[in-house]
Amino acid sequence: MISYIFFIILLMGAGLCAWGISVTDWRRRIIPDAYLFPLLLIGLAVTHFFTWPVSPGDGIVAAIFGYMLSAIIGYSFEYIQTRHHTPSATPAPIGMGDIKLIAVGGIWLGSVGLSTALIIACIGGLVWGKHKKQKYIPFAPFFICGGILSLITMAFLI
């Protein structure tokens, strides 16, 4: 009984962190570490101590892989952009907050869930950007929605 209450409290804390990340990224295009770090710790606690669709080992491997892959892609885009344009002309296409958020998503979702969440987030962001005719979009709200959909899919299908 106590463990269920603690589990619900952890999930509510994770939901508040995810909400804060989404709102802050939507309004100011920044993802503060004050929300990312608690979300990371809660994800580690939930995957380690409670029944979760993802094992802790898979979550850590997915976090490392997601961080490395998104960092390589982000720095590649930034390198290409600064090579063809002046460095201060446009913002970087992917920020460090997005890269860290993908790593935190790997902890929560594992490798299969992370790839599903990234696909959903990229498609959702692309549709939103084309609909609103925006060049730069906040990635965190789309990634968090994709992560929630991926988690629901994994919980019911696995």
C-alpha atoms as a PDB file:
ATOM      1  CA  MET A   1       0.000   0.000   0.000  1.00  0.00           C
ATOM      2  CA  ILE A   2       2.746   2.460   0.931  1.00  0.00           C
ATOM      3  CA  SER A   3       4.682   1.554  -2.207  1.00  0.00           C
ATOM      4  CA  TYR A   4       1.665   2.403  -4.390  1.00  0.00           C
ATOM      5  CA  ILE A   5       1.324   5.791  -2.732  1.00  0.00           C
ATOM      6  CA  PHE A   6       5.042   6.462  -3.186  1.00  0.00           C
ATOM      7  CA  PHE A   7       4.803   5.356  -6.838  1.00  0.00           C
ATOM      8  CA  ILE A   8       1.895   7.737  -7.473  1.00  0.00           C
ATOM      9  CA  ILE A   9       3.757  10.593  -5.767  1.00  0.00           C
ATOM     10  CA  LEU A  10       6.799   9.938  -7.984  1.00  0.00           C
ATOM     11  CA  LEU A  11       4.661   9.884 -11.125  1.00  0.00           C
ATOM     12  CA  MET A  12       2.953  13.125 -10.105  1.00  0.00           C
ATOM     13  CA  GLY A  13       6.366  14.725  -9.567  1.00  0.00           C
ATOM     14  CA  ALA A  14       7.474  13.488 -12.980  1.00  0.00           C
ATOM     15  CA  GLY A  15       4.307  14.900 -14.516  1.00  0.00           C
ATOM     16  CA  LEU A  16       4.951  18.291 -12.938  1.00  0.00           C
ATOM     17  CA  CYS A  17       8.550  18.272 -14.205  1.00  0.00           C
ATOM     18  CA  ALA A  18       7.387  17.308 -17.711  1.00  0.00           C
ATOM     19  CA  TRP A  19       4.755  20.058 -17.622  1.00  0.00           C
ATOM     20  CA  GLY A  20       7.363  22.602 -16.529  1.00  0.00           C
ATOM     21  CA  ILE A  21       9.729  21.522 -19.288  1.00  0.00           C
ATOM     22  CA  SER A  22       7.016  21.776 -21.935  1.00  0.00           C
ATOM     23  CA  VAL A  23       5.747  25.179 -20.845  1.00  0.00           C
ATOM     24  CA  THR A  24       9.224  26.678 -20.456  1.00  0.00           C
ATOM     25  CA  ASP A  25      10.388  25.377 -23.831  1.00  0.00           C
ATOM     26  CA  TRP A  26       7.196  26.564 -25.518  1.00  0.00           C
ATOM     27  CA  ARG A  27       7.437  30.075 -24.079  1.00  0.00           C
ATOM     28  CA  ARG A  28      11.176  30.754 -23.924  1.00  0.00           C
ATOM     29  CA  ARG A  29      12.812  28.014 -26.059  1.00  0.00           C
ATOM     30  CA  ILE A  30      14.918  26.810 -23.138  1.00  0.00           C
ATOM     31  CA  ILE A  31      14.818  23.628 -21.068  1.00  0.00           C
ATOM     32  CA  PRO A  32      16.044  24.312 -17.536  1.00  0.00           C
ATOM     33  CA  ASP A  33      18.093  21.736 -15.652  1.00  0.00           C
ATOM     34  CA  ALA A  34      15.931  22.418 -12.600  1.00  0.00           C
ATOM     35  CA  TYR A  35      13.249  20.267 -14.253  1.00  0.00           C
ATOM     36  CA  LEU A  36      15.507  17.819 -16.092  1.00  0.00           C
ATOM     37  CA  PHE A  37      17.543  16.632 -13.118  1.00  0.00           C
ATOM     38  CA  PRO A  38      14.547  15.681 -10.906  1.00  0.00           C
ATOM     39  CA  LEU A  39      12.930  13.977 -13.901  1.00  0.00           C
ATOM     40  CA  LEU A  40      16.122  11.959 -14.391  1.00  0.00           C
ATOM     41  CA  LEU A  41      16.269  10.928 -10.728  1.00  0.00           C
ATOM     42  CA  ILE A  42      12.585  10.028 -10.638  1.00  0.00           C
ATOM     43  CA  GLY A  43      13.024   7.961 -13.803  1.00  0.00           C
ATOM     44  CA  LEU A  44      15.939   6.070 -12.281  1.00  0.00           C
ATOM     45  CA  ALA A  45      13.961   5.405  -9.091  1.00  0.00           C
ATOM     46  CA  VAL A  46      10.836   4.280 -10.931  1.00  0.00           C
ATOM     47  CA  THR A  47      12.643   1.925 -13.309  1.00  0.00           C
ATOM     48  CA  HIS A  48      14.755   0.455 -10.522  1.00  0.00           C
ATOM     49  CA  PHE A  49      12.294   0.005  -7.655  1.00  0.00           C
ATOM     50  CA  PHE A  50       8.911  -0.489  -9.319  1.00  0.00           C
ATOM     51  CA  THR A  51       7.385  -2.654 -12.022  1.00  0.00           C
ATOM     52  CA  TRP A  52       7.965  -0.717 -15.221  1.00  0.00           C
ATOM     53  CA  PRO A  53       7.934  -1.705 -18.911  1.00  0.00           C
ATOM     54  CA  VAL A  54      11.649  -0.838 -19.124  1.00  0.00           C
ATOM     55  CA  SER A  55      14.483  -2.463 -17.224  1.00  0.00           C
ATOM     56  CA  PRO A  56      17.049  -0.149 -15.600  1.00  0.00           C
ATOM     57  CA  GLY A  57      19.832  -1.518 -17.817  1.00  0.00           C
ATOM     58  CA  ASP A  58      17.903  -0.874 -21.012  1.00  0.00           C
ATOM     59  CA  GLY A  59      17.032   2.607 -19.781  1.00  0.00           C
ATOM     60  CA  ILE A  60      20.658   3.494 -19.110  1.00  0.00           C
ATOM     61  CA  VAL A  61      21.819   2.117 -22.460  1.00  0.00           C
ATOM     62  CA  ALA A  62      19.033   4.034 -24.241  1.00  0.00           C
ATOM     63  CA  ALA A  63      19.958   7.218 -22.358  1.00  0.00           C
ATOM     64  CA  ILE A  64      23.601   6.951 -23.382  1.00  0.00           C
ATOM     65  CA  PHE A  65      22.717   6.100 -26.971  1.00  0.00           C
ATOM     66  CA  GLY A  66      20.105   8.866 -27.192  1.00  0.00           C
ATOM     67  CA  TYR A  67      22.496  11.438 -25.750  1.00  0.00           C
ATOM     68  CA  MET A  68      25.342  10.464 -28.067  1.00  0.00           C
ATOM     69  CA  LEU A  69      23.171  10.283 -31.193  1.00  0.00           C
ATOM     70  CA  SER A  70      21.387  13.578 -30.582  1.00  0.00           C
ATOM     71  CA  ALA A  71      24.654  15.314 -29.652  1.00  0.00           C
ATOM     72  CA  ILE A  72      26.302  14.113 -32.863  1.00  0.00           C
ATOM     73  CA  ILE A  73      23.318  15.226 -34.944  1.00  0.00           C
ATOM     74  CA  GLY A  74      23.067  18.567 -33.140  1.00  0.00           C
ATOM     75  CA  TYR A  75      26.758  19.382 -33.463  1.00  0.00           C
ATOM     76  CA  SER A  76      26.779  18.270 -37.100  1.00  0.00           C
ATOM     77  CA  PHE A  77      23.917  20.633 -37.923  1.00  0.00           C
ATOM     78  CA  GLU A  78      25.583  23.425 -35.992  1.00  0.00           C
ATOM     79  CA  TYR A  79      28.888  22.818 -37.778  1.00  0.00           C
ATOM     80  CA  ILE A  80      27.224  22.877 -41.191  1.00  0.00           C
ATOM     81  CA  GLN A  81      25.225  25.964 -40.261  1.00  0.00           C
ATOM     82  CA  THR A  82      28.233  27.940 -39.005  1.00  0.00           C
ATOM     83  CA  ARG A  83      30.259  26.915 -42.009  1.00  0.00           C
ATOM     84  CA  HIS A  84      27.723  28.350 -44.474  1.00  0.00           C
ATOM     85  CA  HIS A  85      26.436  31.303 -42.411  1.00  0.00           C
ATOM     86  CA  THR A  86      27.738  33.663 -39.804  1.00  0.00           C
ATOM     87  CA  PRO A  87      27.720  32.009 -36.370  1.00  0.00           C
ATOM     88  CA  SER A  88      25.344  34.483 -34.727  1.00  0.00           C
ATOM     89  CA  ALA A  89      22.879  34.761 -37.609  1.00  0.00           C
ATOM     90  CA  THR A  90      20.555  31.949 -36.532  1.00  0.00           C
ATOM     91  CA  PRO A  91      20.178  29.867 -33.384  1.00  0.00           C
ATOM     92  CA  ALA A  92      21.402  26.286 -33.201  1.00  0.00           C
ATOM     93  CA  PRO A  93      18.859  23.793 -34.568  1.00  0.00           C
ATOM     94  CA  ILE A  94      19.090  21.560 -31.486  1.00  0.00           C
ATOM     95  CA  GLY A  95      20.121  22.763 -28.062  1.00  0.00           C
ATOM     96  CA  MET A  96      21.779  21.042 -25.143  1.00  0.00           C
ATOM     97  CA  GLY A  97      18.473  21.001 -23.279  1.00  0.00           C
ATOM     98  CA  ASP A  98      16.927  18.938 -26.073  1.00  0.00           C
ATOM     99  CA  ILE A  99      19.896  16.578 -26.017  1.00  0.00           C
ATOM    100  CA  LYS A 100      19.618  16.103 -22.252  1.00  0.00           C
ATOM    101  CA  LEU A 101      15.856  15.644 -22.534  1.00  0.00           C
ATOM    102  CA  ILE A 102      16.373  12.830 -25.028  1.00  0.00           C
ATOM    103  CA  ALA A 103      18.774  11.184 -22.565  1.00  0.00           C
ATOM    104  CA  VAL A 104      16.185  11.481 -19.777  1.00  0.00           C
ATOM    105  CA  GLY A 105      13.606  10.037 -22.174  1.00  0.00           C
ATOM    106  CA  GLY A 106      15.915   7.078 -22.709  1.00  0.00           C
ATOM    107  CA  ILE A 107      15.893   6.379 -18.950  1.00  0.00           C
ATOM    108  CA  TRP A 108      12.100   6.383 -18.859  1.00  0.00           C
ATOM    109  CA  LEU A 109      11.362   4.670 -22.182  1.00  0.00           C
ATOM    110  CA  GLY A 110      14.245   2.343 -23.037  1.00  0.00           C
ATOM    111  CA  SER A 111      15.562   1.883 -26.544  1.00  0.00           C
ATOM    112  CA  VAL A 112      12.311   0.838 -28.242  1.00  0.00           C
ATOM    113  CA  GLY A 113      10.222   3.486 -26.519  1.00  0.00           C
ATOM    114  CA  LEU A 114      12.812   6.195 -27.173  1.00  0.00           C
ATOM    115  CA  SER A 115      12.859   5.501 -30.883  1.00  0.00           C
ATOM    116  CA  THR A 116       9.058   5.503 -31.002  1.00  0.00           C
ATOM    117  CA  ALA A 117       8.892   8.766 -29.044  1.00  0.00           C
ATOM    118  CA  LEU A 118      11.442  10.413 -31.323  1.00  0.00           C
ATOM    119  CA  ILE A 119       9.524   9.396 -34.435  1.00  0.00           C
ATOM    120  CA  ILE A 120       6.239  10.682 -32.990  1.00  0.00           C
ATOM    121  CA  ALA A 121       7.905  13.924 -31.834  1.00  0.00           C
ATOM    122  CA  CYS A 122       9.574  14.583 -35.169  1.00  0.00           C
ATOM    123  CA  ILE A 123       6.389  13.972 -37.135  1.00  0.00           C
ATOM    124  CA  GLY A 124       4.340  16.096 -34.719  1.00  0.00           C
ATOM    125  CA  GLY A 125       6.887  18.916 -34.797  1.00  0.00           C
ATOM    126  CA  LEU A 126       7.104  18.787 -38.573  1.00  0.00           C
ATOM    127  CA  VAL A 127       3.326  18.967 -38.956  1.00  0.00           C
ATOM    128  CA  TRP A 128       3.132  21.828 -36.427  1.00  0.00           C
ATOM    129  CA  GLY A 129       5.968  23.740 -38.086  1.00  0.00           C
ATOM    130  CA  LYS A 130       4.441  23.383 -41.557  1.00  0.00           C
ATOM    131  CA  HIS A 131       0.982  24.328 -40.293  1.00  0.00           C
ATOM    132  CA  LYS A 132       2.196  27.422 -38.458  1.00  0.00           C
ATOM    133  CA  LYS A 133       4.879  28.177 -41.065  1.00  0.00           C
ATOM    134  CA  GLN A 134       7.564  28.329 -38.399  1.00  0.00           C
ATOM    135  CA  LYS A 135      11.209  27.614 -39.018  1.00  0.00           C
ATOM    136  CA  TYR A 136      12.102  26.914 -35.396  1.00  0.00           C
ATOM    137  CA  ILE A 137       9.810  24.991 -33.084  1.00  0.00           C
ATOM    138  CA  PRO A 138      10.087  23.955 -29.445  1.00  0.00           C
ATOM    139  CA  PHE A 139      10.938  20.244 -29.430  1.00  0.00           C
ATOM    140  CA  ALA A 140      10.231  19.392 -25.774  1.00  0.00           C
ATOM    141  CA  PRO A 141       6.410  19.479 -25.860  1.00  0.00           C
ATOM    142  CA  PHE A 142       6.350  17.200 -28.893  1.00  0.00           C
ATOM    143  CA  PHE A 143       8.921  14.843 -27.375  1.00  0.00           C
ATOM    144  CA  ILE A 144       7.047  14.622 -24.070  1.00  0.00           C
ATOM    145  CA  CYS A 145       3.759  13.891 -25.882  1.00  0.00           C
ATOM    146  CA  GLY A 146       5.565  11.286 -27.984  1.00  0.00           C
ATOM    147  CA  GLY A 147       7.077   9.790 -24.837  1.00  0.00           C
ATOM    148  CA  ILE A 148       3.698   9.531 -23.138  1.00  0.00           C
ATOM    149  CA  LEU A 149       2.154   7.898 -26.222  1.00  0.00           C
ATOM    150  CA  SER A 150       5.122   5.538 -26.471  1.00  0.00           C
ATOM    151  CA  LEU A 151       4.856   4.630 -22.794  1.00  0.00           C
ATOM    152  CA  ILE A 152       1.123   3.926 -23.102  1.00  0.00           C
ATOM    153  CA  THR A 153       1.776   1.794 -26.170  1.00  0.00           C
ATOM    154  CA  MET A 154       4.521  -0.172 -24.416  1.00  0.00           C
ATOM    155  CA  ALA A 155       2.437  -0.688 -21.280  1.00  0.00           C
ATOM    156  CA  PHE A 156      -0.523  -2.107 -23.187  1.00  0.00           C
ATOM    157  CA  LEU A 157       1.204  -4.009 -25.968  1.00  0.00           C
ATOM    158  CA  ILE A 158       4.167  -5.577 -24.174  1.00  0.00           C
END
